[in-house]
Amino acid sequence: MTKLLKKAFEAASRLPETEQNALAKWVLDELHSEKTWAKSFAESEDILEKLADEALREKRDAKTKPLDPKRL
């Protein structure tokens, strides 16, 4: 455990129990969210690569049109 994390936990341990629980829930939710995001991103790499290849192929084969910002 880093010194900074230890210091944060020591400070948190002095909070009232309800605030400790709220902080703990927030930290756990953030860690879970980050883990979920990393997993989702890792799983989507193949899909994104295929989409990029398809877009490049369409551009190469002149199957694309210039983007008109006024029509967005």
N, C-alpha and C. Protein backbone atom coordinates (compact mmCIF):
# COMPACT_ATOMS: atom_id res chain seq x y z
N MET A 1 0.85 -1.17 0.00
CA MET A 1 0.00 0.00 0.00
C MET A 1 0.90 1.24 0.00
N THR A 2 0.54 2.22 -0.81
CA THR A 2 1.36 3.43 -0.87
C THR A 2 1.14 4.28 0.38
N LYS A 3 2.07 5.18 0.62
CA LYS A 3 1.95 6.08 1.77
C LYS A 3 0.71 6.96 1.64
N LEU A 4 0.44 7.43 0.42
CA LEU A 4 -0.71 8.30 0.22
C LEU A 4 -2.02 7.57 0.47
N LEU A 5 -2.12 6.33 -0.01
CA LEU A 5 -3.34 5.56 0.21
C LEU A 5 -3.52 5.26 1.70
N LYS A 6 -2.42 4.92 2.37
CA LYS A 6 -2.48 4.67 3.81
C LYS A 6 -2.96 5.92 4.54
N LYS A 7 -2.44 7.08 4.15
CA LYS A 7 -2.85 8.35 4.77
C LYS A 7 -4.34 8.60 4.54
N ALA A 8 -4.81 8.31 3.33
CA ALA A 8 -6.23 8.51 3.02
C ALA A 8 -7.10 7.59 3.86
N PHE A 9 -6.70 6.32 4.00
CA PHE A 9 -7.48 5.39 4.81
C PHE A 9 -7.47 5.78 6.29
N GLU A 10 -6.33 6.27 6.76
CA GLU A 10 -6.27 6.73 8.15
C GLU A 10 -7.22 7.90 8.37
N ALA A 11 -7.24 8.83 7.43
CA ALA A 11 -8.16 9.97 7.54
C ALA A 11 -9.60 9.49 7.46
N ALA A 12 -9.87 8.57 6.57
CA ALA A 12 -11.23 8.05 6.41
C ALA A 12 -11.68 7.31 7.67
N SER A 13 -10.75 6.67 8.35
CA SER A 13 -11.11 5.91 9.55
C SER A 13 -11.60 6.81 10.69
N ARG A 14 -11.33 8.11 10.59
CA ARG A 14 -11.77 9.05 11.62
C ARG A 14 -13.16 9.64 11.31
N LEU A 15 -13.69 9.32 10.14
CA LEU A 15 -15.02 9.81 9.77
C LEU A 15 -16.09 9.03 10.52
N PRO A 16 -17.28 9.62 10.66
CA PRO A 16 -18.39 8.86 11.24
C PRO A 16 -18.67 7.61 10.39
N GLU A 17 -19.24 6.60 11.01
CA GLU A 17 -19.47 5.32 10.34
C GLU A 17 -20.26 5.46 9.04
N THR A 18 -21.29 6.29 9.04
CA THR A 18 -22.10 6.43 7.82
C THR A 18 -21.27 7.03 6.68
N GLU A 19 -20.39 7.99 7.01
CA GLU A 19 -19.54 8.58 5.98
C GLU A 19 -18.47 7.59 5.51
N GLN A 20 -17.97 6.77 6.42
CA GLN A 20 -17.01 5.73 6.03
C GLN A 20 -17.66 4.76 5.04
N ASN A 21 -18.90 4.37 5.35
CA ASN A 21 -19.61 3.45 4.46
C ASN A 21 -19.87 4.08 3.10
N ALA A 22 -20.24 5.34 3.09
CA ALA A 22 -20.50 6.03 1.82
C ALA A 22 -19.22 6.12 1.00
N LEU A 23 -18.11 6.45 1.65
CA LEU A 23 -16.83 6.52 0.96
C LEU A 23 -16.40 5.15 0.44
N ALA A 24 -16.56 4.14 1.27
CA ALA A 24 -16.20 2.78 0.87
C ALA A 24 -17.02 2.34 -0.34
N LYS A 25 -18.32 2.62 -0.31
CA LYS A 25 -19.18 2.26 -1.44
C LYS A 25 -18.74 2.98 -2.70
N TRP A 26 -18.41 4.27 -2.58
CA TRP A 26 -17.98 5.04 -3.74
C TRP A 26 -16.68 4.47 -4.32
N VAL A 27 -15.72 4.16 -3.45
CA VAL A 27 -14.44 3.61 -3.92
C VAL A 27 -14.66 2.28 -4.62
N LEU A 28 -15.45 1.41 -4.02
CA LEU A 28 -15.72 0.10 -4.62
C LEU A 28 -16.45 0.24 -5.95
N ASP A 29 -17.42 1.15 -6.01
CA ASP A 29 -18.14 1.38 -7.26
C ASP A 29 -17.20 1.88 -8.35
N GLU A 30 -16.30 2.79 -8.00
CA GLU A 30 -15.34 3.32 -8.97
C GLU A 30 -14.40 2.23 -9.47
N LEU A 31 -13.92 1.40 -8.58
CA LEU A 31 -13.03 0.31 -8.97
C LEU A 31 -13.75 -0.67 -9.89
N HIS A 32 -14.99 -0.99 -9.55
CA HIS A 32 -15.79 -1.91 -10.38
C HIS A 32 -16.05 -1.28 -11.74
N SER A 33 -16.39 0.00 -11.75
CA SER A 33 -16.67 0.69 -13.01
C SER A 33 -15.44 0.69 -13.91
N GLU A 34 -14.28 0.94 -13.34
CA GLU A 34 -13.04 0.96 -14.12
C GLU A 34 -12.74 -0.42 -14.68
N LYS A 35 -12.96 -1.44 -13.86
CA LYS A 35 -12.72 -2.81 -14.32
C LYS A 35 -13.68 -3.17 -15.45
N THR A 36 -14.95 -2.78 -15.32
CA THR A 36 -15.95 -3.04 -16.35
C THR A 36 -15.58 -2.31 -17.63
N TRP A 37 -15.18 -1.05 -17.53
CA TRP A 37 -14.79 -0.27 -18.71
C TRP A 37 -13.60 -0.92 -19.42
N ALA A 38 -12.59 -1.31 -18.66
CA ALA A 38 -11.40 -1.92 -19.25
C ALA A 38 -11.76 -3.21 -19.97
N LYS A 39 -12.64 -4.01 -19.37
CA LYS A 39 -13.06 -5.27 -20.00
C LYS A 39 -13.83 -4.98 -21.28
N SER A 40 -14.76 -4.04 -21.22
CA SER A 40 -15.56 -3.71 -22.40
C SER A 40 -14.68 -3.19 -23.53
N PHE A 41 -13.73 -2.34 -23.19
CA PHE A 41 -12.84 -1.78 -24.20
C PHE A 41 -11.99 -2.87 -24.83
N ALA A 42 -11.47 -3.77 -24.01
CA ALA A 42 -10.63 -4.86 -24.53
C ALA A 42 -11.43 -5.74 -25.48
N GLU A 43 -12.70 -5.99 -25.13
CA GLU A 43 -13.54 -6.83 -25.98
C GLU A 43 -13.93 -6.13 -27.27
N SER A 44 -13.93 -4.81 -27.27
CA SER A 44 -14.38 -4.07 -28.45
C SER A 44 -13.24 -3.78 -29.44
N GLU A 45 -12.00 -4.08 -29.06
CA GLU A 45 -10.87 -3.77 -29.94
C GLU A 45 -11.00 -4.45 -31.30
N ASP A 46 -11.40 -5.73 -31.31
CA ASP A 46 -11.55 -6.44 -32.58
C ASP A 46 -12.64 -5.82 -33.43
N ILE A 47 -13.74 -5.46 -32.80
CA ILE A 47 -14.85 -4.85 -33.53
C ILE A 47 -14.43 -3.51 -34.12
N LEU A 48 -13.75 -2.70 -33.31
CA LEU A 48 -13.29 -1.39 -33.79
C LEU A 48 -12.30 -1.55 -34.94
N GLU A 49 -11.43 -2.53 -34.85
CA GLU A 49 -10.46 -2.76 -35.91
C GLU A 49 -11.16 -3.16 -37.21
N LYS A 50 -12.18 -4.01 -37.11
CA LYS A 50 -12.94 -4.42 -38.30
C LYS A 50 -13.68 -3.23 -38.92
N LEU A 51 -14.27 -2.39 -38.06
CA LEU A 51 -14.98 -1.21 -38.57
C LEU A 51 -14.01 -0.25 -39.26
N ALA A 52 -12.84 -0.08 -38.68
CA ALA A 52 -11.84 0.80 -39.29
C ALA A 52 -11.38 0.25 -40.63
N ASP A 53 -11.15 -1.06 -40.69
CA ASP A 53 -10.74 -1.68 -41.96
C ASP A 53 -11.82 -1.50 -43.02
N GLU A 54 -13.08 -1.68 -42.61
CA GLU A 54 -14.19 -1.51 -43.55
C GLU A 54 -14.27 -0.08 -44.06
N ALA A 55 -14.10 0.89 -43.17
CA ALA A 55 -14.14 2.30 -43.57
C ALA A 55 -13.00 2.62 -44.54
N LEU A 56 -11.82 2.11 -44.27
CA LEU A 56 -10.68 2.34 -45.16
C LEU A 56 -10.90 1.69 -46.53
N ARG A 57 -11.49 0.50 -46.53
CA ARG A 57 -11.79 -0.19 -47.79
C ARG A 57 -12.80 0.61 -48.61
N GLU A 58 -13.85 1.10 -47.94
CA GLU A 58 -14.87 1.90 -48.63
C GLU A 58 -14.26 3.18 -49.19
N LYS A 59 -13.37 3.81 -48.45
CA LYS A 59 -12.70 5.02 -48.93
C LYS A 59 -11.84 4.69 -50.15
N ARG A 60 -11.08 3.61 -50.05
CA ARG A 60 -10.20 3.20 -51.15
C ARG A 60 -11.01 2.88 -52.41
N ASP A 61 -12.19 2.25 -52.23
CA ASP A 61 -13.04 1.85 -53.36
C ASP A 61 -13.99 2.97 -53.81
N ALA A 62 -13.76 4.18 -53.31
CA ALA A 62 -14.56 5.36 -53.67
C ALA A 62 -16.05 5.16 -53.39
N LYS A 63 -16.35 4.51 -52.27
CA LYS A 63 -17.74 4.30 -51.87
C LYS A 63 -18.16 5.27 -50.78
N THR A 64 -17.38 6.32 -50.58
CA THR A 64 -17.69 7.31 -49.55
C THR A 64 -18.05 8.63 -50.21
N LYS A 65 -18.70 9.49 -49.43
CA LYS A 65 -19.07 10.82 -49.91
C LYS A 65 -18.43 11.85 -48.99
N PRO A 66 -18.13 13.03 -49.51
CA PRO A 66 -17.59 14.09 -48.64
C PRO A 66 -18.62 14.45 -47.56
N LEU A 67 -18.14 14.75 -46.40
CA LEU A 67 -19.01 15.13 -45.29
C LEU A 67 -19.43 16.58 -45.43
N ASP A 68 -20.75 16.80 -45.38
CA ASP A 68 -21.29 18.16 -45.44
C ASP A 68 -21.79 18.52 -44.04
N PRO A 69 -21.06 19.34 -43.29
CA PRO A 69 -21.45 19.68 -41.92
C PRO A 69 -22.86 20.28 -41.82
N LYS A 70 -23.33 20.90 -42.87
CA LYS A 70 -24.66 21.51 -42.84
C LYS A 70 -25.76 20.45 -42.83
N ARG A 71 -25.42 19.24 -43.23
CA ARG A 71 -26.42 18.18 -43.31
C ARG A 71 -26.38 17.25 -42.10
N LEU A 72 -25.59 17.58 -41.12
CA LEU A 72 -25.50 16.75 -39.92
C LEU A 72 -26.68 16.96 -39.02
